[in-house]
Amino acid sequence: MRRYAITMLSLAGAVAFAQSNPAYIQFTPGAVKGALYKPDSGPAPHVASVLMHRTANFLSHIGAKELSIRGFLVLAMNPRSDDGEAMVRWEDNALDARIGVEFLCRQPDIPKVLLLGHSGGGPTTQTAHRNIRPGSKRSISQLRLSV
């Protein structure tokens, strides 16, 4: 019983730092959306992350909450193809990831953005990274992008 009580108290402390009210972000094109998770307490985040999947709804993904507990600014995103496999266009998903990266780069005190893609989100974020390079609208150094 004592071990259970100690575990519950430690979990309660971790939850206190988690994002309790993520902000919904509607991007253009209108089908692209995100949930912005910030730590509720502690120092301001200096590293941000885009978290996405190719088709799944990631707005309430446990990874977003867990990373915000650990002090990261997290944008959990759904690409325009979040309604299913028939809607997937890889090149559009990469553009959607880029929208998220650019959004995070405009946030104050964020020197680095990490891309975390689960399953089909891996190739999506990797393609986005390859498309954000010198000669494009903004370069990698301007976006402060890391993989």
N, C-alpha and C. Protein backbone atom coordinates (compact mmCIF):
# COMPACT_ATOMS: atom_id res chain seq x y z
N MET A 1 0.82 -1.19 0.00
CA MET A 1 0.00 0.00 0.00
C MET A 1 0.87 1.26 0.00
N ARG A 2 1.95 1.23 0.77
CA ARG A 2 2.83 2.39 0.84
C ARG A 2 3.47 2.67 -0.53
N ARG A 3 3.89 1.61 -1.21
CA ARG A 3 4.49 1.76 -2.54
C ARG A 3 3.48 2.39 -3.51
N TYR A 4 2.23 1.97 -3.42
CA TYR A 4 1.18 2.53 -4.27
C TYR A 4 1.01 4.03 -3.99
N ALA A 5 0.99 4.42 -2.74
CA ALA A 5 0.82 5.83 -2.37
C ALA A 5 1.98 6.67 -2.88
N ILE A 6 3.21 6.16 -2.78
CA ILE A 6 4.38 6.89 -3.27
C ILE A 6 4.31 7.06 -4.78
N THR A 7 3.91 5.99 -5.49
CA THR A 7 3.77 6.06 -6.94
C THR A 7 2.72 7.09 -7.34
N MET A 8 1.60 7.10 -6.67
CA MET A 8 0.53 8.05 -6.99
C MET A 8 0.97 9.49 -6.73
N LEU A 9 1.69 9.72 -5.65
CA LEU A 9 2.18 11.07 -5.37
C LEU A 9 3.19 11.53 -6.42
N SER A 10 4.06 10.64 -6.86
CA SER A 10 5.03 11.03 -7.88
C SER A 10 4.35 11.30 -9.22
N LEU A 11 3.34 10.54 -9.56
CA LEU A 11 2.59 10.77 -10.78
C LEU A 11 1.82 12.10 -10.70
N ALA A 12 1.28 12.41 -9.56
CA ALA A 12 0.56 13.67 -9.40
C ALA A 12 1.50 14.85 -9.62
N GLY A 13 2.73 14.75 -9.18
CA GLY A 13 3.71 15.81 -9.40
C GLY A 13 4.02 15.98 -10.87
N ALA A 14 4.16 14.90 -11.60
CA ALA A 14 4.45 14.97 -13.03
C ALA A 14 3.30 15.59 -13.80
N VAL A 15 2.08 15.24 -13.43
CA VAL A 15 0.91 15.77 -14.12
C VAL A 15 0.79 17.28 -13.88
N ALA A 16 1.27 17.76 -12.75
CA ALA A 16 1.19 19.18 -12.44
C ALA A 16 1.95 20.02 -13.46
N PHE A 17 2.99 19.46 -14.08
CA PHE A 17 3.78 20.20 -15.06
C PHE A 17 3.25 20.03 -16.48
N ALA A 18 2.30 19.16 -16.69
CA ALA A 18 1.80 18.86 -18.03
C ALA A 18 0.91 19.98 -18.54
N GLN A 19 0.71 20.00 -19.84
CA GLN A 19 -0.21 20.96 -20.45
C GLN A 19 -1.63 20.56 -20.07
N SER A 20 -2.33 21.43 -19.39
CA SER A 20 -3.69 21.10 -18.98
C SER A 20 -4.74 21.60 -19.98
N ASN A 21 -4.32 22.49 -20.89
CA ASN A 21 -5.29 23.05 -21.82
C ASN A 21 -4.60 23.38 -23.15
N PRO A 22 -4.36 22.38 -24.00
CA PRO A 22 -3.69 22.68 -25.27
C PRO A 22 -4.53 23.63 -26.13
N ALA A 23 -3.85 24.47 -26.89
CA ALA A 23 -4.53 25.43 -27.76
C ALA A 23 -4.74 24.81 -29.13
N TYR A 24 -5.96 24.89 -29.64
CA TYR A 24 -6.28 24.40 -30.98
C TYR A 24 -5.81 25.42 -32.00
N ILE A 25 -5.09 24.96 -33.03
CA ILE A 25 -4.57 25.82 -34.09
C ILE A 25 -5.15 25.34 -35.42
N GLN A 26 -5.85 26.23 -36.12
CA GLN A 26 -6.36 25.93 -37.46
C GLN A 26 -5.43 26.57 -38.48
N PHE A 27 -4.86 25.77 -39.35
CA PHE A 27 -3.94 26.26 -40.36
C PHE A 27 -4.65 26.40 -41.70
N THR A 28 -3.96 27.02 -42.64
CA THR A 28 -4.43 27.10 -44.02
C THR A 28 -3.51 26.23 -44.85
N PRO A 29 -3.97 25.26 -45.63
CA PRO A 29 -5.37 24.98 -45.95
C PRO A 29 -6.14 24.48 -44.73
N GLY A 30 -7.45 24.69 -44.77
CA GLY A 30 -8.32 24.46 -43.63
C GLY A 30 -8.34 23.07 -43.05
N ALA A 31 -7.95 22.06 -43.80
CA ALA A 31 -7.98 20.71 -43.27
C ALA A 31 -6.80 20.43 -42.34
N VAL A 32 -5.78 21.28 -42.35
CA VAL A 32 -4.60 21.08 -41.51
C VAL A 32 -4.86 21.73 -40.16
N LYS A 33 -4.65 20.96 -39.10
CA LYS A 33 -4.92 21.46 -37.76
C LYS A 33 -3.88 20.96 -36.78
N GLY A 34 -3.82 21.62 -35.64
CA GLY A 34 -2.86 21.22 -34.63
C GLY A 34 -3.35 21.58 -33.24
N ALA A 35 -2.68 20.99 -32.26
CA ALA A 35 -2.91 21.31 -30.86
C ALA A 35 -1.54 21.68 -30.28
N LEU A 36 -1.43 22.88 -29.73
CA LEU A 36 -0.17 23.37 -29.19
C LEU A 36 -0.13 23.11 -27.70
N TYR A 37 0.85 22.32 -27.29
CA TYR A 37 1.05 21.95 -25.89
C TYR A 37 2.24 22.72 -25.34
N LYS A 38 2.02 23.44 -24.24
CA LYS A 38 3.09 24.15 -23.53
C LYS A 38 3.13 23.64 -22.10
N PRO A 39 4.32 23.60 -21.51
CA PRO A 39 4.36 23.25 -20.09
C PRO A 39 3.57 24.27 -19.27
N ASP A 40 2.79 23.80 -18.30
CA ASP A 40 2.01 24.70 -17.46
C ASP A 40 2.87 25.46 -16.47
N SER A 41 4.01 24.91 -16.13
CA SER A 41 4.89 25.57 -15.16
C SER A 41 6.33 25.27 -15.51
N GLY A 42 7.23 25.86 -14.78
CA GLY A 42 8.65 25.67 -15.05
C GLY A 42 9.15 26.71 -16.03
N PRO A 43 10.41 26.58 -16.45
CA PRO A 43 10.97 27.56 -17.37
C PRO A 43 10.30 27.49 -18.75
N ALA A 44 10.37 28.59 -19.48
CA ALA A 44 9.81 28.63 -20.84
C ALA A 44 10.57 27.65 -21.72
N PRO A 45 9.88 26.95 -22.61
CA PRO A 45 10.56 25.99 -23.48
C PRO A 45 11.49 26.68 -24.47
N HIS A 46 12.60 26.00 -24.78
CA HIS A 46 13.56 26.49 -25.77
C HIS A 46 13.72 25.53 -26.94
N VAL A 47 13.03 24.41 -26.87
CA VAL A 47 13.02 23.43 -27.96
C VAL A 47 11.56 23.08 -28.23
N ALA A 48 11.22 23.05 -29.51
CA ALA A 48 9.85 22.70 -29.91
C ALA A 48 9.88 21.43 -30.76
N SER A 49 8.73 20.82 -30.91
CA SER A 49 8.63 19.61 -31.70
C SER A 49 7.31 19.58 -32.46
N VAL A 50 7.38 19.10 -33.71
CA VAL A 50 6.20 18.76 -34.48
C VAL A 50 6.01 17.26 -34.34
N LEU A 51 4.82 16.85 -33.95
CA LEU A 51 4.50 15.44 -33.76
C LEU A 51 3.33 15.12 -34.68
N MET A 52 3.54 14.17 -35.62
CA MET A 52 2.45 13.86 -36.55
C MET A 52 2.52 12.45 -37.11
N HIS A 53 1.43 12.03 -37.68
CA HIS A 53 1.26 10.75 -38.36
C HIS A 53 0.73 11.06 -39.75
N ARG A 54 0.83 10.12 -40.64
CA ARG A 54 0.35 10.35 -42.00
C ARG A 54 -1.16 10.52 -42.06
N THR A 55 -1.91 9.72 -41.30
CA THR A 55 -3.38 9.77 -41.40
C THR A 55 -4.09 9.81 -40.06
N ALA A 56 -3.43 9.45 -38.98
CA ALA A 56 -4.11 9.35 -37.68
C ALA A 56 -4.29 10.72 -37.02
N ASN A 57 -5.27 10.80 -36.16
CA ASN A 57 -5.51 12.00 -35.38
C ASN A 57 -4.49 12.05 -34.23
N PHE A 58 -3.58 13.00 -34.29
CA PHE A 58 -2.54 13.13 -33.27
C PHE A 58 -2.78 14.32 -32.34
N LEU A 59 -3.91 14.98 -32.42
CA LEU A 59 -4.14 16.17 -31.61
C LEU A 59 -4.10 15.90 -30.12
N SER A 60 -4.47 14.71 -29.71
CA SER A 60 -4.44 14.37 -28.29
C SER A 60 -3.48 13.21 -28.01
N HIS A 61 -2.47 13.06 -28.83
CA HIS A 61 -1.51 11.97 -28.68
C HIS A 61 -0.77 12.08 -27.34
N ILE A 62 -0.56 10.97 -26.69
CA ILE A 62 0.10 10.95 -25.38
C ILE A 62 1.52 11.54 -25.45
N GLY A 63 2.18 11.41 -26.60
CA GLY A 63 3.52 11.96 -26.74
C GLY A 63 3.55 13.47 -26.59
N ALA A 64 2.51 14.15 -27.03
CA ALA A 64 2.45 15.61 -26.90
C ALA A 64 2.40 16.00 -25.43
N LYS A 65 1.56 15.33 -24.69
CA LYS A 65 1.46 15.61 -23.25
C LYS A 65 2.75 15.27 -22.53
N GLU A 66 3.31 14.11 -22.84
CA GLU A 66 4.54 13.67 -22.17
C GLU A 66 5.72 14.59 -22.48
N LEU A 67 5.83 15.04 -23.71
CA LEU A 67 6.93 15.96 -24.04
C LEU A 67 6.74 17.32 -23.38
N SER A 68 5.49 17.77 -23.27
CA SER A 68 5.26 19.05 -22.59
C SER A 68 5.56 18.92 -21.09
N ILE A 69 5.30 17.76 -20.51
CA ILE A 69 5.68 17.53 -19.11
C ILE A 69 7.18 17.73 -18.93
N ARG A 70 7.94 17.35 -19.95
CA ARG A 70 9.40 17.41 -19.88
C ARG A 70 9.96 18.75 -20.37
N GLY A 71 9.09 19.72 -20.59
CA GLY A 71 9.55 21.07 -20.88
C GLY A 71 9.61 21.48 -22.33
N PHE A 72 9.07 20.66 -23.23
CA PHE A 72 9.08 20.99 -24.65
C PHE A 72 7.79 21.71 -25.06
N LEU A 73 7.90 22.57 -26.06
CA LEU A 73 6.73 23.11 -26.74
C LEU A 73 6.41 22.13 -27.86
N VAL A 74 5.19 21.62 -27.91
CA VAL A 74 4.84 20.56 -28.86
C VAL A 74 3.64 20.97 -29.69
N LEU A 75 3.78 20.81 -31.00
CA LEU A 75 2.65 20.98 -31.91
C LEU A 75 2.27 19.60 -32.43
N ALA A 76 1.17 19.06 -31.89
CA ALA A 76 0.62 17.79 -32.38
C ALA A 76 -0.24 18.15 -33.58
N MET A 77 0.08 17.57 -34.74
CA MET A 77 -0.59 17.98 -35.98
C MET A 77 -1.34 16.84 -36.65
N ASN A 78 -2.39 17.24 -37.35
CA ASN A 78 -3.08 16.36 -38.29
C ASN A 78 -2.90 16.96 -39.67
N PRO A 79 -2.37 16.17 -40.62
CA PRO A 79 -2.27 16.69 -41.99
C PRO A 79 -3.65 16.70 -42.64
N ARG A 80 -3.72 17.22 -43.83
CA ARG A 80 -5.01 17.31 -44.52
C ARG A 80 -5.58 15.94 -44.84
N SER A 81 -4.78 14.88 -44.75
CA SER A 81 -5.26 13.52 -45.05
C SER A 81 -5.61 12.75 -43.79
N ASP A 82 -5.98 13.43 -42.71
CA ASP A 82 -6.22 12.72 -41.45
C ASP A 82 -7.51 11.91 -41.43
N ASP A 83 -8.30 11.98 -42.51
CA ASP A 83 -9.54 11.22 -42.55
C ASP A 83 -9.37 9.83 -43.17
N GLY A 84 -8.17 9.48 -43.60
CA GLY A 84 -8.00 8.13 -44.11
C GLY A 84 -7.00 8.00 -45.23
N GLU A 85 -6.67 6.75 -45.50
CA GLU A 85 -5.66 6.40 -46.49
C GLU A 85 -5.98 6.89 -47.90
N ALA A 86 -7.25 6.92 -48.25
CA ALA A 86 -7.61 7.31 -49.62
C ALA A 86 -7.27 8.77 -49.90
N MET A 87 -7.11 9.58 -48.85
CA MET A 87 -6.84 11.01 -49.00
C MET A 87 -5.34 11.34 -49.04
N VAL A 88 -4.49 10.34 -48.80
CA VAL A 88 -3.05 10.62 -48.65
C VAL A 88 -2.42 11.05 -49.96
N ARG A 89 -1.77 12.20 -49.91
CA ARG A 89 -0.86 12.67 -50.97
C ARG A 89 0.41 13.06 -50.24
N TRP A 90 1.46 12.25 -50.40
CA TRP A 90 2.69 12.42 -49.64
C TRP A 90 3.22 13.83 -49.72
N GLU A 91 3.20 14.40 -50.92
CA GLU A 91 3.77 15.74 -51.06
C GLU A 91 2.98 16.79 -50.29
N ASP A 92 1.67 16.62 -50.19
CA ASP A 92 0.85 17.55 -49.40
C ASP A 92 1.15 17.40 -47.91
N ASN A 93 1.31 16.17 -47.45
CA ASN A 93 1.62 15.95 -46.03
C ASN A 93 2.94 16.61 -45.66
N ALA A 94 3.93 16.55 -46.54
CA ALA A 94 5.21 17.19 -46.26
C ALA A 94 5.04 18.71 -46.18
N LEU A 95 4.20 19.26 -47.03
CA LEU A 95 3.91 20.70 -46.96
C LEU A 95 3.20 21.05 -45.66
N ASP A 96 2.33 20.15 -45.19
CA ASP A 96 1.65 20.38 -43.92
C ASP A 96 2.63 20.37 -42.76
N ALA A 97 3.59 19.45 -42.78
CA ALA A 97 4.62 19.42 -41.74
C ALA A 97 5.42 20.72 -41.76
N ARG A 98 5.70 21.19 -42.96
CA ARG A 98 6.45 22.45 -43.08
C ARG A 98 5.68 23.63 -42.47
N ILE A 99 4.36 23.65 -42.65
CA ILE A 99 3.53 24.69 -42.04
C ILE A 99 3.71 24.67 -40.53
N GLY A 100 3.73 23.47 -39.96
CA GLY A 100 3.92 23.35 -38.52
C GLY A 100 5.28 23.83 -38.06
N VAL A 101 6.32 23.48 -38.81
CA VAL A 101 7.68 23.92 -38.47
C VAL A 101 7.77 25.44 -38.52
N GLU A 102 7.25 26.02 -39.58
CA GLU A 102 7.30 27.48 -39.71
C GLU A 102 6.52 28.16 -38.58
N PHE A 103 5.39 27.59 -38.19
CA PHE A 103 4.62 28.13 -37.07
C PHE A 103 5.45 28.11 -35.78
N LEU A 104 6.10 26.99 -35.50
CA LEU A 104 6.90 26.89 -34.28
C LEU A 104 8.11 27.83 -34.30
N CYS A 105 8.69 28.02 -35.47
CA CYS A 105 9.84 28.92 -35.58
C CYS A 105 9.47 30.37 -35.31
N ARG A 106 8.21 30.71 -35.45
CA ARG A 106 7.76 32.07 -35.15
C ARG A 106 7.48 32.29 -33.67
N GLN A 107 7.54 31.21 -32.88
CA GLN A 107 7.27 31.33 -31.45
C GLN A 107 8.51 31.91 -30.75
N PRO A 108 8.32 32.73 -29.71
CA PRO A 108 9.48 33.34 -29.04
C PRO A 108 10.35 32.31 -28.33
N ASP A 109 11.65 32.56 -28.36
CA ASP A 109 12.65 31.77 -27.61
C ASP A 109 12.74 30.31 -28.04
N ILE A 110 12.44 30.01 -29.30
CA ILE A 110 12.55 28.63 -29.80
C ILE A 110 13.71 28.58 -30.80
N PRO A 111 14.91 28.16 -30.35
CA PRO A 111 16.05 28.09 -31.27
C PRO A 111 16.10 26.80 -32.08
N LYS A 112 15.30 25.79 -31.71
CA LYS A 112 15.39 24.50 -32.39
C LYS A 112 14.02 23.85 -32.47
N VAL A 113 13.74 23.23 -33.63
CA VAL A 113 12.50 22.48 -33.83
C VAL A 113 12.86 21.06 -34.23
N LEU A 114 12.30 20.10 -33.51
CA LEU A 114 12.51 18.68 -33.78
C LEU A 114 11.30 18.13 -34.52
N LEU A 115 11.53 17.22 -35.46
CA LEU A 115 10.45 16.57 -36.18
C LEU A 115 10.31 15.14 -35.68
N LEU A 116 9.12 14.80 -35.19
CA LEU A 116 8.84 13.45 -34.71
C LEU A 116 7.66 12.90 -35.50
N GLY A 117 7.95 11.96 -36.38
CA GLY A 117 6.90 11.38 -37.21
C GLY A 117 6.72 9.91 -36.87
N HIS A 118 5.50 9.53 -36.53
CA HIS A 118 5.19 8.14 -36.19
C HIS A 118 4.69 7.41 -37.43
N SER A 119 5.20 6.21 -37.67
CA SER A 119 4.76 5.37 -38.77
C SER A 119 4.87 6.14 -40.09
N GLY A 120 3.75 6.41 -40.75
CA GLY A 120 3.79 7.17 -42.00
C GLY A 120 4.18 8.62 -41.80
N GLY A 121 4.18 9.09 -40.57
CA GLY A 121 4.65 10.43 -40.28
C GLY A 121 6.15 10.55 -40.39
N GLY A 122 6.88 9.42 -40.29
CA GLY A 122 8.33 9.44 -40.45
C GLY A 122 8.74 9.91 -41.83
N PRO A 123 8.26 9.26 -42.90
CA PRO A 123 8.58 9.75 -44.23
C PRO A 123 8.03 11.15 -44.49
N THR A 124 6.90 11.47 -43.87
CA THR A 124 6.32 12.81 -44.04
C THR A 124 7.26 13.87 -43.50
N THR A 125 7.73 13.70 -42.27
CA THR A 125 8.62 14.70 -41.68
C THR A 125 9.98 14.70 -42.36
N GLN A 126 10.45 13.54 -42.80
CA GLN A 126 11.74 13.49 -43.51
C GLN A 126 11.65 14.22 -44.85
N THR A 127 10.54 14.05 -45.55
CA THR A 127 10.36 14.76 -46.81
C THR A 127 10.26 16.26 -46.57
N ALA A 128 9.57 16.65 -45.51
CA ALA A 128 9.49 18.07 -45.16
C ALA A 128 10.88 18.63 -44.90
N HIS A 129 11.70 17.88 -44.18
CA HIS A 129 13.06 18.33 -43.88
C HIS A 129 13.86 18.52 -45.16
N ARG A 130 13.74 17.60 -46.08
CA ARG A 130 14.50 17.70 -47.34
C ARG A 130 14.02 18.86 -48.21
N ASN A 131 12.76 19.25 -48.05
CA ASN A 131 12.22 20.35 -48.85
C ASN A 131 12.47 21.72 -48.24
N ILE A 132 12.95 21.76 -47.02
CA ILE A 132 13.28 23.03 -46.38
C ILE A 132 14.80 23.15 -46.42
N ARG A 133 15.30 23.75 -47.46
CA ARG A 133 16.75 23.82 -47.68
C ARG A 133 17.09 25.12 -48.41
N PRO A 134 18.35 25.45 -48.48
CA PRO A 134 18.72 26.66 -49.21
C PRO A 134 18.15 26.65 -50.63
N GLY A 135 17.65 27.78 -51.06
CA GLY A 135 17.04 27.89 -52.37
C GLY A 135 15.53 27.80 -52.32
N SER A 136 15.00 27.23 -51.23
CA SER A 136 13.55 27.22 -51.09
C SER A 136 13.13 28.53 -50.43
N LYS A 137 11.86 28.65 -50.12
CA LYS A 137 11.35 29.89 -49.56
C LYS A 137 12.12 30.30 -48.31
N ARG A 138 12.41 29.35 -47.46
CA ARG A 138 13.23 29.58 -46.27
C ARG A 138 14.22 28.44 -46.17
N SER A 139 15.42 28.72 -45.72
CA SER A 139 16.44 27.68 -45.64
C SER A 139 16.40 26.98 -44.28
N ILE A 140 17.10 25.87 -44.19
CA ILE A 140 17.18 25.13 -42.93
C ILE A 140 17.73 26.03 -41.83
N SER A 141 18.77 26.80 -42.12
CA SER A 141 19.35 27.65 -41.09
C SER A 141 18.36 28.72 -40.65
N GLN A 142 17.53 29.22 -41.55
CA GLN A 142 16.54 30.21 -41.17
C GLN A 142 15.44 29.58 -40.32
N LEU A 143 15.14 28.32 -40.58
CA LEU A 143 14.09 27.64 -39.82
C LEU A 143 14.62 26.99 -38.55
N ARG A 144 15.92 26.91 -38.39
CA ARG A 144 16.52 26.28 -37.22
C ARG A 144 15.95 24.87 -37.03
N LEU A 145 16.06 24.05 -38.03
CA LEU A 145 15.41 22.76 -38.09
C LEU A 145 16.38 21.64 -37.75
N SER A 146 15.93 20.68 -36.96
CA SER A 146 16.74 19.50 -36.62
C SER A 146 15.89 18.26 -36.83
N VAL A 147 16.55 17.14 -37.14
CA VAL A 147 15.87 15.86 -37.24
C VAL A 147 16.56 14.90 -36.30
